[in-house]
Amino acid sequence: MAKITFQLKGARELQRAIAKRPMMMATQTKTIVAKHGALLKTKTAQNMAAAYTAGYSTGATRRSLSTTFSNAGMTVAVAPHSEYFAYLEYGTRFMSARPTLKPAFTYQSVQFVNDLKKMMK
């Protein structure tokens, strides 16, 4: 089974500015990371509720969503843990794709970067 990974790499200038700021900046950054991790999980679950409406849909993939923090709270991972999520997200030759995580990530990453930029002002 293929492992699906999405990453958002920040602008180098933004990363340098955060590194130069005092500890308060790190606390604010952790708060922003936690906020947008939770929002990403919520948006993904909403997308799943809207996309997975067939009669055989049980909600197992939506319930399998988890949020994991690492790197001292500076990194968050939102991921479903059902074995067949990749098939739902990307489709197969027999089934069309029903993307839920990627659209949520695309939307939330813009909001995340905007909040980081506001913090830098």
PDB file of N, CA and C in Angstrom:
ATOM      1  N   MET A   1       0.840  -1.176   0.000  1.00  0.00           N
ATOM      2  CA  MET A   1       0.000   0.000   0.000  1.00  0.00           C
ATOM      3  C   MET A   1       0.886   1.241   0.000  1.00  0.00           C
ATOM      4  N   ALA A   2       0.600   2.155  -0.832  1.00  0.00           N
ATOM      5  CA  ALA A   2       1.385   3.383  -0.927  1.00  0.00           C
ATOM      6  C   ALA A   2       1.090   4.292   0.260  1.00  0.00           C
ATOM      7  N   LYS A   3       2.123   4.965   0.737  1.00  0.00           N
ATOM      8  CA  LYS A   3       1.956   5.909   1.838  1.00  0.00           C
ATOM      9  C   LYS A   3       1.763   7.299   1.243  1.00  0.00           C
ATOM     10  N   ILE A   4       0.735   8.004   1.697  1.00  0.00           N
ATOM     11  CA  ILE A   4       0.417   9.327   1.186  1.00  0.00           C
ATOM     12  C   ILE A   4       0.989  10.358   2.141  1.00  0.00           C
ATOM     13  N   THR A   5       1.747  11.301   1.608  1.00  0.00           N
ATOM     14  CA  THR A   5       2.341  12.339   2.440  1.00  0.00           C
ATOM     15  C   THR A   5       2.183  13.686   1.762  1.00  0.00           C
ATOM     16  N   PHE A   6       1.702  14.661   2.532  1.00  0.00           N
ATOM     17  CA  PHE A   6       1.633  16.040   2.080  1.00  0.00           C
ATOM     18  C   PHE A   6       2.509  16.854   3.009  1.00  0.00           C
ATOM     19  N   GLN A   7       3.289  17.740   2.451  1.00  0.00           N
ATOM     20  CA  GLN A   7       4.114  18.604   3.281  1.00  0.00           C
ATOM     21  C   GLN A   7       4.008  20.034   2.791  1.00  0.00           C
ATOM     22  N   LEU A   8       4.070  20.943   3.745  1.00  0.00           N
ATOM     23  CA  LEU A   8       4.098  22.362   3.416  1.00  0.00           C
ATOM     24  C   LEU A   8       5.446  22.887   3.839  1.00  0.00           C
ATOM     25  N   LYS A   9       6.248  23.308   2.887  1.00  0.00           N
ATOM     26  CA  LYS A   9       7.552  23.876   3.178  1.00  0.00           C
ATOM     27  C   LYS A   9       7.389  25.390   3.172  1.00  0.00           C
ATOM     28  N   GLY A  10       7.715  26.017   4.300  1.00  0.00           N
ATOM     29  CA  GLY A  10       7.579  27.462   4.428  1.00  0.00           C
ATOM     30  C   GLY A  10       8.667  28.179   3.666  1.00  0.00           C
ATOM     31  N   ALA A  11       8.431  29.433   3.444  1.00  0.00           N
ATOM     32  CA  ALA A  11       9.431  30.258   2.780  1.00  0.00           C
ATOM     33  C   ALA A  11      10.669  30.348   3.671  1.00  0.00           C
ATOM     34  N   ARG A  12      11.828  30.325   3.077  1.00  0.00           N
ATOM     35  CA  ARG A  12      13.078  30.352   3.855  1.00  0.00           C
ATOM     36  C   ARG A  12      13.168  31.595   4.730  1.00  0.00           C
ATOM     37  N   GLU A  13      12.717  32.710   4.220  1.00  0.00           N
ATOM     38  CA  GLU A  13      12.764  33.943   4.997  1.00  0.00           C
ATOM     39  C   GLU A  13      11.907  33.826   6.249  1.00  0.00           C
ATOM     40  N   LEU A  14      10.741  33.227   6.105  1.00  0.00           N
ATOM     41  CA  LEU A  14       9.841  33.052   7.234  1.00  0.00           C
ATOM     42  C   LEU A  14      10.457  32.122   8.267  1.00  0.00           C
ATOM     43  N   GLN A  15      11.078  31.057   7.821  1.00  0.00           N
ATOM     44  CA  GLN A  15      11.719  30.119   8.735  1.00  0.00           C
ATOM     45  C   GLN A  15      12.864  30.797   9.486  1.00  0.00           C
ATOM     46  N   ARG A  16      13.666  31.597   8.784  1.00  0.00           N
ATOM     47  CA  ARG A  16      14.770  32.305   9.437  1.00  0.00           C
ATOM     48  C   ARG A  16      14.258  33.307  10.455  1.00  0.00           C
ATOM     49  N   ALA A  17      13.202  34.024  10.100  1.00  0.00           N
ATOM     50  CA  ALA A  17      12.644  35.027  11.009  1.00  0.00           C
ATOM     51  C   ALA A  17      12.112  34.373  12.278  1.00  0.00           C
ATOM     52  N   ILE A  18      11.444  33.233  12.144  1.00  0.00           N
ATOM     53  CA  ILE A  18      10.925  32.529  13.316  1.00  0.00           C
ATOM     54  C   ILE A  18      12.080  32.050  14.192  1.00  0.00           C
ATOM     55  N   ALA A  19      13.125  31.554  13.562  1.00  0.00           N
ATOM     56  CA  ALA A  19      14.276  31.057  14.321  1.00  0.00           C
ATOM     57  C   ALA A  19      14.972  32.176  15.100  1.00  0.00           C
ATOM     58  N   LYS A  20      14.955  33.402  14.585  1.00  0.00           N
ATOM     59  CA  LYS A  20      15.623  34.527  15.232  1.00  0.00           C
ATOM     60  C   LYS A  20      14.789  35.150  16.347  1.00  0.00           C
ATOM     61  N   ARG A  21      13.496  34.887  16.360  1.00  0.00           N
ATOM     62  CA  ARG A  21      12.613  35.495  17.348  1.00  0.00           C
ATOM     63  C   ARG A  21      12.774  34.825  18.707  1.00  0.00           C
ATOM     64  N   PRO A  22      12.372  35.518  19.764  1.00  0.00           N
ATOM     65  CA  PRO A  22      12.481  34.928  21.110  1.00  0.00           C
ATOM     66  C   PRO A  22      11.506  33.772  21.317  1.00  0.00           C
ATOM     67  N   MET A  23      11.548  33.213  22.504  1.00  0.00           N
ATOM     68  CA  MET A  23      10.736  32.047  22.840  1.00  0.00           C
ATOM     69  C   MET A  23       9.248  32.305  22.655  1.00  0.00           C
ATOM     70  N   MET A  24       8.806  33.540  22.851  1.00  0.00           N
ATOM     71  CA  MET A  24       7.398  33.875  22.682  1.00  0.00           C
ATOM     72  C   MET A  24       6.934  33.560  21.261  1.00  0.00           C
ATOM     73  N   MET A  25       7.814  33.809  20.300  1.00  0.00           N
ATOM     74  CA  MET A  25       7.487  33.528  18.901  1.00  0.00           C
ATOM     75  C   MET A  25       7.265  32.029  18.706  1.00  0.00           C
ATOM     76  N   ALA A  26       8.067  31.210  19.365  1.00  0.00           N
ATOM     77  CA  ALA A  26       7.908  29.761  19.245  1.00  0.00           C
ATOM     78  C   ALA A  26       6.568  29.326  19.835  1.00  0.00           C
ATOM     79  N   THR A  27       6.178  29.934  20.940  1.00  0.00           N
ATOM     80  CA  THR A  27       4.890  29.609  21.561  1.00  0.00           C
ATOM     81  C   THR A  27       3.734  29.986  20.643  1.00  0.00           C
ATOM     82  N   GLN A  28       3.819  31.154  20.031  1.00  0.00           N
ATOM     83  CA  GLN A  28       2.779  31.583  19.094  1.00  0.00           C
ATOM     84  C   GLN A  28       2.722  30.648  17.892  1.00  0.00           C
ATOM     85  N   THR A  29       3.886  30.243  17.411  1.00  0.00           N
ATOM     86  CA  THR A  29       3.940  29.341  16.261  1.00  0.00           C
ATOM     87  C   THR A  29       3.303  28.001  16.605  1.00  0.00           C
ATOM     88  N   LYS A  30       3.588  27.473  17.787  1.00  0.00           N
ATOM     89  CA  LYS A  30       2.992  26.203  18.209  1.00  0.00           C
ATOM     90  C   LYS A  30       1.472  26.319  18.282  1.00  0.00           C
ATOM     91  N   THR A  31       0.997  27.462  18.751  1.00  0.00           N
ATOM     92  CA  THR A  31      -0.447  27.689  18.831  1.00  0.00           C
ATOM     93  C   THR A  31      -1.065  27.690  17.438  1.00  0.00           C
ATOM     94  N   ILE A  32      -0.395  28.348  16.502  1.00  0.00           N
ATOM     95  CA  ILE A  32      -0.892  28.399  15.119  1.00  0.00           C
ATOM     96  C   ILE A  32      -0.876  27.009  14.498  1.00  0.00           C
ATOM     97  N   VAL A  33       0.188  26.251  14.732  1.00  0.00           N
ATOM     98  CA  VAL A  33       0.292  24.887  14.195  1.00  0.00           C
ATOM     99  C   VAL A  33      -0.842  24.021  14.754  1.00  0.00           C
ATOM    100  N   ALA A  34      -1.082  24.118  16.059  1.00  0.00           N
ATOM    101  CA  ALA A  34      -2.151  23.324  16.680  1.00  0.00           C
ATOM    102  C   ALA A  34      -3.518  23.724  16.134  1.00  0.00           C
ATOM    103  N   LYS A  35      -3.743  25.025  15.991  1.00  0.00           N
ATOM    104  CA  LYS A  35      -5.029  25.523  15.482  1.00  0.00           C
ATOM    105  C   LYS A  35      -5.297  25.002  14.075  1.00  0.00           C
ATOM    106  N   HIS A  36      -4.309  25.125  13.206  1.00  0.00           N
ATOM    107  CA  HIS A  36      -4.530  24.720  11.819  1.00  0.00           C
ATOM    108  C   HIS A  36      -4.516  23.202  11.646  1.00  0.00           C
ATOM    109  N   GLY A  37      -3.840  22.478  12.531  1.00  0.00           N
ATOM    110  CA  GLY A  37      -3.930  21.022  12.517  1.00  0.00           C
ATOM    111  C   GLY A  37      -5.351  20.567  12.831  1.00  0.00           C
ATOM    112  N   ALA A  38      -5.944  21.200  13.841  1.00  0.00           N
ATOM    113  CA  ALA A  38      -7.328  20.871  14.206  1.00  0.00           C
ATOM    114  C   ALA A  38      -8.291  21.262  13.086  1.00  0.00           C
ATOM    115  N   LEU A  39      -8.065  22.424  12.486  1.00  0.00           N
ATOM    116  CA  LEU A  39      -8.937  22.861  11.388  1.00  0.00           C
ATOM    117  C   LEU A  39      -8.799  21.954  10.169  1.00  0.00           C
ATOM    118  N   LEU A  40      -7.582  21.474   9.907  1.00  0.00           N
ATOM    119  CA  LEU A  40      -7.369  20.555   8.788  1.00  0.00           C
ATOM    120  C   LEU A  40      -8.121  19.250   9.026  1.00  0.00           C
ATOM    121  N   LYS A  41      -8.077  18.741  10.247  1.00  0.00           N
ATOM    122  CA  LYS A  41      -8.798  17.509  10.568  1.00  0.00           C
ATOM    123  C   LYS A  41     -10.303  17.710  10.402  1.00  0.00           C
ATOM    124  N   THR A  42     -10.806  18.845  10.879  1.00  0.00           N
ATOM    125  CA  THR A  42     -12.234  19.144  10.771  1.00  0.00           C
ATOM    126  C   THR A  42     -12.663  19.274   9.316  1.00  0.00           C
ATOM    127  N   LYS A  43     -11.886  20.014   8.531  1.00  0.00           N
ATOM    128  CA  LYS A  43     -12.215  20.220   7.110  1.00  0.00           C
ATOM    129  C   LYS A  43     -12.162  18.892   6.353  1.00  0.00           C
ATOM    130  N   THR A  44     -11.183  18.061   6.653  1.00  0.00           N
ATOM    131  CA  THR A  44     -11.082  16.754   5.999  1.00  0.00           C
ATOM    132  C   THR A  44     -12.292  15.884   6.352  1.00  0.00           C
ATOM    133  N   ALA A  45     -12.695  15.888   7.612  1.00  0.00           N
ATOM    134  CA  ALA A  45     -13.869  15.105   8.036  1.00  0.00           C
ATOM    135  C   ALA A  45     -15.131  15.610   7.341  1.00  0.00           C
ATOM    136  N   GLN A  46     -15.265  16.941   7.200  1.00  0.00           N
ATOM    137  CA  GLN A  46     -16.421  17.502   6.486  1.00  0.00           C
ATOM    138  C   GLN A  46     -16.410  17.063   5.023  1.00  0.00           C
ATOM    139  N   ASN A  47     -15.219  17.105   4.404  1.00  0.00           N
ATOM    140  CA  ASN A  47     -15.113  16.665   3.012  1.00  0.00           C
ATOM    141  C   ASN A  47     -15.477  15.183   2.871  1.00  0.00           C
ATOM    142  N   MET A  48     -15.060  14.390   3.830  1.00  0.00           N
ATOM    143  CA  MET A  48     -15.374  12.955   3.784  1.00  0.00           C
ATOM    144  C   MET A  48     -16.871  12.720   3.926  1.00  0.00           C
ATOM    145  N   ALA A  49     -17.507  13.458   4.816  1.00  0.00           N
ATOM    146  CA  ALA A  49     -18.955  13.312   5.001  1.00  0.00           C
ATOM    147  C   ALA A  49     -19.699  13.660   3.714  1.00  0.00           C
ATOM    148  N   ALA A  50     -19.193  14.651   2.981  1.00  0.00           N
ATOM    149  CA  ALA A  50     -19.847  15.059   1.736  1.00  0.00           C
ATOM    150  C   ALA A  50     -19.517  14.126   0.568  1.00  0.00           C
ATOM    151  N   ALA A  51     -18.298  13.590   0.526  1.00  0.00           N
ATOM    152  CA  ALA A  51     -17.866  12.785  -0.616  1.00  0.00           C
ATOM    153  C   ALA A  51     -18.262  11.319  -0.504  1.00  0.00           C
ATOM    154  N   TYR A  52     -18.246  10.784   0.701  1.00  0.00           N
ATOM    155  CA  TYR A  52     -18.515   9.360   0.888  1.00  0.00           C
ATOM    156  C   TYR A  52     -19.971   9.171   1.292  1.00  0.00           C
ATOM    157  N   THR A  53     -20.858   9.252   0.314  1.00  0.00           N
ATOM    158  CA  THR A  53     -22.289   9.176   0.603  1.00  0.00           C
ATOM    159  C   THR A  53     -22.954   7.924   0.041  1.00  0.00           C
ATOM    160  N   ALA A  54     -22.181   7.044  -0.553  1.00  0.00           N
ATOM    161  CA  ALA A  54     -22.775   5.831  -1.135  1.00  0.00           C
ATOM    162  C   ALA A  54     -23.367   4.952  -0.034  1.00  0.00           C
ATOM    163  N   GLY A  55     -24.236   4.063  -0.419  1.00  0.00           N
ATOM    164  CA  GLY A  55     -24.927   3.206   0.521  1.00  0.00           C
ATOM    165  C   GLY A  55     -24.014   2.328   1.355  1.00  0.00           C
ATOM    166  N   TYR A  56     -22.843   1.993   0.836  1.00  0.00           N
ATOM    167  CA  TYR A  56     -21.915   1.128   1.552  1.00  0.00           C
ATOM    168  C   TYR A  56     -20.987   1.926   2.463  1.00  0.00           C
ATOM    169  N   SER A  57     -21.138   3.217   2.508  1.00  0.00           N
ATOM    170  CA  SER A  57     -20.288   4.081   3.320  1.00  0.00           C
ATOM    171  C   SER A  57     -20.608   3.899   4.800  1.00  0.00           C
ATOM    172  N   THR A  58     -19.573   3.595   5.616  1.00  0.00           N
ATOM    173  CA  THR A  58     -19.788   3.340   7.041  1.00  0.00           C
ATOM    174  C   THR A  58     -19.238   4.438   7.938  1.00  0.00           C
ATOM    175  N   GLY A  59     -18.404   5.319   7.403  1.00  0.00           N
ATOM    176  CA  GLY A  59     -17.784   6.370   8.206  1.00  0.00           C
ATOM    177  C   GLY A  59     -16.495   5.929   8.868  1.00  0.00           C
ATOM    178  N   ALA A  60     -16.004   4.750   8.541  1.00  0.00           N
ATOM    179  CA  ALA A  60     -14.789   4.224   9.170  1.00  0.00           C
ATOM    180  C   ALA A  60     -13.568   5.076   8.842  1.00  0.00           C
ATOM    181  N   THR A  61     -13.470   5.537   7.615  1.00  0.00           N
ATOM    182  CA  THR A  61     -12.321   6.360   7.232  1.00  0.00           C
ATOM    183  C   THR A  61     -12.347   7.686   7.980  1.00  0.00           C
ATOM    184  N   ARG A  62     -13.504   8.281   8.101  1.00  0.00           N
ATOM    185  CA  ARG A  62     -13.625   9.551   8.825  1.00  0.00           C
ATOM    186  C   ARG A  62     -13.276   9.347  10.304  1.00  0.00           C
ATOM    187  N   ARG A  63     -13.722   8.267  10.887  1.00  0.00           N
ATOM    188  CA  ARG A  63     -13.406   7.991  12.295  1.00  0.00           C
ATOM    189  C   ARG A  63     -11.935   7.654  12.499  1.00  0.00           C
ATOM    190  N   SER A  64     -11.265   7.200  11.448  1.00  0.00           N
ATOM    191  CA  SER A  64      -9.853   6.828  11.585  1.00  0.00           C
ATOM    192  C   SER A  64      -8.907   8.024  11.509  1.00  0.00           C
ATOM    193  N   LEU A  65      -9.438   9.223  11.245  1.00  0.00           N
ATOM    194  CA  LEU A  65      -8.591  10.415  11.196  1.00  0.00           C
ATOM    195  C   LEU A  65      -7.915  10.652  12.543  1.00  0.00           C
ATOM    196  N   SER A  66      -6.636  10.946  12.503  1.00  0.00           N
ATOM    197  CA  SER A  66      -5.927  11.256  13.745  1.00  0.00           C
ATOM    198  C   SER A  66      -5.033  12.471  13.535  1.00  0.00           C
ATOM    199  N   THR A  67      -4.727  13.128  14.627  1.00  0.00           N
ATOM    200  CA  THR A  67      -3.826  14.272  14.622  1.00  0.00           C
ATOM    201  C   THR A  67      -2.654  13.913  15.520  1.00  0.00           C
ATOM    202  N   THR A  68      -1.440  14.016  14.987  1.00  0.00           N
ATOM    203  CA  THR A  68      -0.234  13.680  15.737  1.00  0.00           C
ATOM    204  C   THR A  68       0.713  14.863  15.722  1.00  0.00           C
ATOM    205  N   PHE A  69       1.160  15.268  16.903  1.00  0.00           N
ATOM    206  CA  PHE A  69       2.110  16.376  17.025  1.00  0.00           C
ATOM    207  C   PHE A  69       3.507  15.817  17.244  1.00  0.00           C
ATOM    208  N   SER A  70       4.493  16.478  16.648  1.00  0.00           N
ATOM    209  CA  SER A  70       5.891  16.091  16.840  1.00  0.00           C
ATOM    210  C   SER A  70       6.756  17.345  16.754  1.00  0.00           C
ATOM    211  N   ASN A  71       8.044  17.151  16.894  1.00  0.00           N
ATOM    212  CA  ASN A  71       9.001  18.251  16.792  1.00  0.00           C
ATOM    213  C   ASN A  71       8.652  19.351  17.799  1.00  0.00           C
ATOM    214  N   ALA A  72       8.385  18.956  19.023  1.00  0.00           N
ATOM    215  CA  ALA A  72       8.054  19.878  20.123  1.00  0.00           C
ATOM    216  C   ALA A  72       6.841  20.751  19.795  1.00  0.00           C
ATOM    217  N   GLY A  73       5.869  20.178  19.107  1.00  0.00           N
ATOM    218  CA  GLY A  73       4.653  20.920  18.779  1.00  0.00           C
ATOM    219  C   GLY A  73       4.752  21.784  17.544  1.00  0.00           C
ATOM    220  N   MET A  74       5.869  21.733  16.848  1.00  0.00           N
ATOM    221  CA  MET A  74       6.058  22.561  15.658  1.00  0.00           C
ATOM    222  C   MET A  74       5.614  21.833  14.388  1.00  0.00           C
ATOM    223  N   THR A  75       5.248  20.581  14.501  1.00  0.00           N
ATOM    224  CA  THR A  75       4.804  19.784  13.359  1.00  0.00           C
ATOM    225  C   THR A  75       3.524  19.061  13.739  1.00  0.00           C
ATOM    226  N   VAL A  76       2.575  19.050  12.819  1.00  0.00           N
ATOM    227  CA  VAL A  76       1.339  18.301  13.038  1.00  0.00           C
ATOM    228  C   VAL A  76       1.080  17.445  11.801  1.00  0.00           C
ATOM    229  N   ALA A  77       0.628  16.231  12.043  1.00  0.00           N
ATOM    230  CA  ALA A  77       0.271  15.326  10.952  1.00  0.00           C
ATOM    231  C   ALA A  77      -1.189  14.915  11.134  1.00  0.00           C
ATOM    232  N   VAL A  78      -1.974  15.111  10.098  1.00  0.00           N
ATOM    233  CA  VAL A  78      -3.371  14.683  10.091  1.00  0.00           C
ATOM    234  C   VAL A  78      -3.464  13.579   9.052  1.00  0.00           C
ATOM    235  N   ALA A  79      -3.912  12.404   9.482  1.00  0.00           N
ATOM    236  CA  ALA A  79      -3.945  11.280   8.550  1.00  0.00           C
ATOM    237  C   ALA A  79      -5.051  10.297   8.907  1.00  0.00           C
ATOM    238  N   PRO A  80      -5.731   9.783   7.880  1.00  0.00           N
ATOM    239  CA  PRO A  80      -6.668   8.683   8.103  1.00  0.00           C
ATOM    240  C   PRO A  80      -5.874   7.376   8.134  1.00  0.00           C
ATOM    241  N   HIS A  81      -6.356   6.405   8.869  1.00  0.00           N
ATOM    242  CA  HIS A  81      -5.611   5.163   9.020  1.00  0.00           C
ATOM    243  C   HIS A  81      -6.365   3.951   8.487  1.00  0.00           C
ATOM    244  N   SER A  82      -7.273   4.165   7.562  1.00  0.00           N
ATOM    245  CA  SER A  82      -7.925   3.015   6.939  1.00  0.00           C
ATOM    246  C   SER A  82      -7.024   2.522   5.811  1.00  0.00           C
ATOM    247  N   GLU A  83      -7.009   1.225   5.609  1.00  0.00           N
ATOM    248  CA  GLU A  83      -6.129   0.622   4.605  1.00  0.00           C
ATOM    249  C   GLU A  83      -6.440   1.096   3.187  1.00  0.00           C
ATOM    250  N   TYR A  84      -7.656   1.469   2.940  1.00  0.00           N
ATOM    251  CA  TYR A  84      -8.095   1.768   1.578  1.00  0.00           C
ATOM    252  C   TYR A  84      -8.204   3.272   1.299  1.00  0.00           C
ATOM    253  N   PHE A  85      -7.697   4.110   2.194  1.00  0.00           N
ATOM    254  CA  PHE A  85      -7.842   5.555   1.995  1.00  0.00           C
ATOM    255  C   PHE A  85      -7.230   6.020   0.678  1.00  0.00           C
ATOM    256  N   ALA A  86      -6.085   5.494   0.302  1.00  0.00           N
ATOM    257  CA  ALA A  86      -5.434   5.914  -0.946  1.00  0.00           C
ATOM    258  C   ALA A  86      -6.330   5.655  -2.149  1.00  0.00           C
ATOM    259  N   TYR A  87      -7.078   4.566  -2.113  1.00  0.00           N
ATOM    260  CA  TYR A  87      -7.985   4.261  -3.217  1.00  0.00           C
ATOM    261  C   TYR A  87      -9.115   5.282  -3.292  1.00  0.00           C
ATOM    262  N   LEU A  88      -9.602   5.696  -2.135  1.00  0.00           N
ATOM    263  CA  LEU A  88     -10.661   6.709  -2.106  1.00  0.00           C
ATOM    264  C   LEU A  88     -10.131   8.061  -2.588  1.00  0.00           C
ATOM    265  N   GLU A  89      -8.959   8.431  -2.121  1.00  0.00           N
ATOM    266  CA  GLU A  89      -8.388   9.749  -2.427  1.00  0.00           C
ATOM    267  C   GLU A  89      -7.988   9.867  -3.904  1.00  0.00           C
ATOM    268  N   TYR A  90      -7.377   8.821  -4.445  1.00  0.00           N
ATOM    269  CA  TYR A  90      -6.845   8.892  -5.811  1.00  0.00           C
ATOM    270  C   TYR A  90      -7.632   8.084  -6.830  1.00  0.00           C
ATOM    271  N   GLY A  91      -8.498   7.205  -6.373  1.00  0.00           N
ATOM    272  CA  GLY A  91      -9.275   6.382  -7.295  1.00  0.00           C
ATOM    273  C   GLY A  91      -8.487   5.174  -7.760  1.00  0.00           C
ATOM    274  N   THR A  92      -9.177   4.349  -8.527  1.00  0.00           N
ATOM    275  CA  THR A  92      -8.559   3.167  -9.135  1.00  0.00           C
ATOM    276  C   THR A  92      -9.027   3.123 -10.583  1.00  0.00           C
ATOM    277  N   ARG A  93      -8.645   2.115 -11.283  1.00  0.00           N
ATOM    278  CA  ARG A  93      -9.127   2.028 -12.666  1.00  0.00           C
ATOM    279  C   ARG A  93     -10.615   1.702 -12.710  1.00  0.00           C
ATOM    280  N   PHE A  94     -11.162   1.212 -11.599  1.00  0.00           N
ATOM    281  CA  PHE A  94     -12.575   0.879 -11.531  1.00  0.00           C
ATOM    282  C   PHE A  94     -13.422   1.920 -10.797  1.00  0.00           C
ATOM    283  N   MET A  95     -12.755   2.876 -10.145  1.00  0.00           N
ATOM    284  CA  MET A  95     -13.474   3.820  -9.297  1.00  0.00           C
ATOM    285  C   MET A  95     -12.850   5.205  -9.447  1.00  0.00           C
ATOM    286  N   SER A  96     -13.694   6.202  -9.584  1.00  0.00           N
ATOM    287  CA  SER A  96     -13.164   7.559  -9.699  1.00  0.00           C
ATOM    288  C   SER A  96     -12.679   8.051  -8.332  1.00  0.00           C
ATOM    289  N   ALA A  97     -11.772   9.013  -8.363  1.00  0.00           N
ATOM    290  CA  ALA A  97     -11.205   9.575  -7.140  1.00  0.00           C
ATOM    291  C   ALA A  97     -12.261  10.379  -6.389  1.00  0.00           C
ATOM    292  N   ARG A  98     -12.173  10.325  -5.074  1.00  0.00           N
ATOM    293  CA  ARG A  98     -13.022  11.140  -4.196  1.00  0.00           C
ATOM    294  C   ARG A  98     -12.098  11.871  -3.223  1.00  0.00           C
ATOM    295  N   PRO A  99     -11.348  12.862  -3.729  1.00  0.00           N
ATOM    296  CA  PRO A  99     -10.359  13.530  -2.881  1.00  0.00           C
ATOM    297  C   PRO A  99     -11.004  14.282  -1.718  1.00  0.00           C
ATOM    298  N   THR A 100     -10.437  14.094  -0.561  1.00  0.00           N
ATOM    299  CA  THR A 100     -10.924  14.779   0.636  1.00  0.00           C
ATOM    300  C   THR A 100      -9.788  15.462   1.391  1.00  0.00           C
ATOM    301  N   LEU A 101      -8.663  14.784   1.549  1.00  0.00           N
ATOM    302  CA  LEU A 101      -7.535  15.339   2.296  1.00  0.00           C
ATOM    303  C   LEU A 101      -6.808  16.419   1.516  1.00  0.00           C
ATOM    304  N   LYS A 102      -6.551  16.184   0.244  1.00  0.00           N
ATOM    305  CA  LYS A 102      -5.799  17.163  -0.540  1.00  0.00           C
ATOM    306  C   LYS A 102      -6.538  18.501  -0.660  1.00  0.00           C
ATOM    307  N   PRO A 103      -7.838  18.530  -0.969  1.00  0.00           N
ATOM    308  CA  PRO A 103      -8.522  19.826  -1.016  1.00  0.00           C
ATOM    309  C   PRO A 103      -8.520  20.535   0.341  1.00  0.00           C
ATOM    310  N   ALA A 104      -8.670  19.769   1.415  1.00  0.00           N
ATOM    311  CA  ALA A 104      -8.633  20.368   2.752  1.00  0.00           C
ATOM    312  C   ALA A 104      -7.250  20.933   3.033  1.00  0.00           C
ATOM    313  N   PHE A 105      -6.202  20.196   2.654  1.00  0.00           N
ATOM    314  CA  PHE A 105      -4.832  20.669   2.855  1.00  0.00           C
ATOM    315  C   PHE A 105      -4.551  21.917   2.029  1.00  0.00           C
ATOM    316  N   THR A 106      -4.991  21.925   0.792  1.00  0.00           N
ATOM    317  CA  THR A 106      -4.778  23.084  -0.076  1.00  0.00           C
ATOM    318  C   THR A 106      -5.410  24.334   0.520  1.00  0.00           C
ATOM    319  N   TYR A 107      -6.623  24.208   1.001  1.00  0.00           N
ATOM    320  CA  TYR A 107      -7.314  25.343   1.619  1.00  0.00           C
ATOM    321  C   TYR A 107      -6.619  25.770   2.911  1.00  0.00           C
ATOM    322  N   GLN A 108      -6.355  24.807   3.786  1.00  0.00           N
ATOM    323  CA  GLN A 108      -5.825  25.135   5.101  1.00  0.00           C
ATOM    324  C   GLN A 108      -4.389  25.632   5.050  1.00  0.00           C
ATOM    325  N   SER A 109      -3.599  25.186   4.086  1.00  0.00           N
ATOM    326  CA  SER A 109      -2.208  25.635   4.001  1.00  0.00           C
ATOM    327  C   SER A 109      -2.126  27.130   3.709  1.00  0.00           C
ATOM    328  N   VAL A 110      -3.047  27.650   2.909  1.00  0.00           N
ATOM    329  CA  VAL A 110      -3.078  29.082   2.627  1.00  0.00           C
ATOM    330  C   VAL A 110      -3.397  29.849   3.908  1.00  0.00           C
ATOM    331  N   GLN A 111      -4.371  29.366   4.666  1.00  0.00           N
ATOM    332  CA  GLN A 111      -4.734  30.017   5.925  1.00  0.00           C
ATOM    333  C   GLN A 111      -3.573  29.965   6.925  1.00  0.00           C
ATOM    334  N   PHE A 112      -2.878  28.850   6.956  1.00  0.00           N
ATOM    335  CA  PHE A 112      -1.739  28.661   7.857  1.00  0.00           C
ATOM    336  C   PHE A 112      -0.630  29.665   7.552  1.00  0.00           C
ATOM    337  N   VAL A 113      -0.269  29.771   6.297  1.00  0.00           N
ATOM    338  CA  VAL A 113       0.788  30.699   5.900  1.00  0.00           C
ATOM    339  C   VAL A 113       0.378  32.132   6.204  1.00  0.00           C
ATOM    340  N   ASN A 114      -0.884  32.475   5.952  1.00  0.00           N
ATOM    341  CA  ASN A 114      -1.368  33.834   6.256  1.00  0.00           C
ATOM    342  C   ASN A 114      -1.246  34.140   7.753  1.00  0.00           C
ATOM    343  N   ASP A 115      -1.605  33.183   8.605  1.00  0.00           N
ATOM    344  CA  ASP A 115      -1.482  33.403  10.048  1.00  0.00           C
ATOM    345  C   ASP A 115      -0.022  33.568  10.458  1.00  0.00           C
ATOM    346  N   LEU A 116       0.880  32.800   9.863  1.00  0.00           N
ATOM    347  CA  LEU A 116       2.311  32.952  10.176  1.00  0.00           C
ATOM    348  C   LEU A 116       2.819  34.331   9.736  1.00  0.00           C
ATOM    349  N   LYS A 117       2.366  34.779   8.586  1.00  0.00           N
ATOM    350  CA  LYS A 117       2.790  36.100   8.110  1.00  0.00           C
ATOM    351  C   LYS A 117       2.256  37.211   9.017  1.00  0.00           C
ATOM    352  N   LYS A 118       1.026  37.062   9.499  1.00  0.00           N
ATOM    353  CA  LYS A 118       0.457  38.054  10.428  1.00  0.00           C
ATOM    354  C   LYS A 118       1.279  38.109  11.714  1.00  0.00           C
ATOM    355  N   MET A 119       1.719  36.949  12.170  1.00  0.00           N
ATOM    356  CA  MET A 119       2.505  36.880  13.392  1.00  0.00           C
ATOM    357  C   MET A 119       3.838  37.612  13.234  1.00  0.00           C
ATOM    358  N   MET A 120       4.391  37.595  12.036  1.00  0.00           N
ATOM    359  CA  MET A 120       5.691  38.208  11.781  1.00  0.00           C
ATOM    360  C   MET A 120       5.626  39.728  11.727  1.00  0.00           C
ATOM    361  N   LYS A 121       4.447  40.284  11.589  1.00  0.00           N
ATOM    362  CA  LYS A 121       4.328  41.743  11.489  1.00  0.00           C
ATOM    363  C   LYS A 121       4.463  42.401  12.819  1.00  0.00           C
TER     364      LYS A 121
END
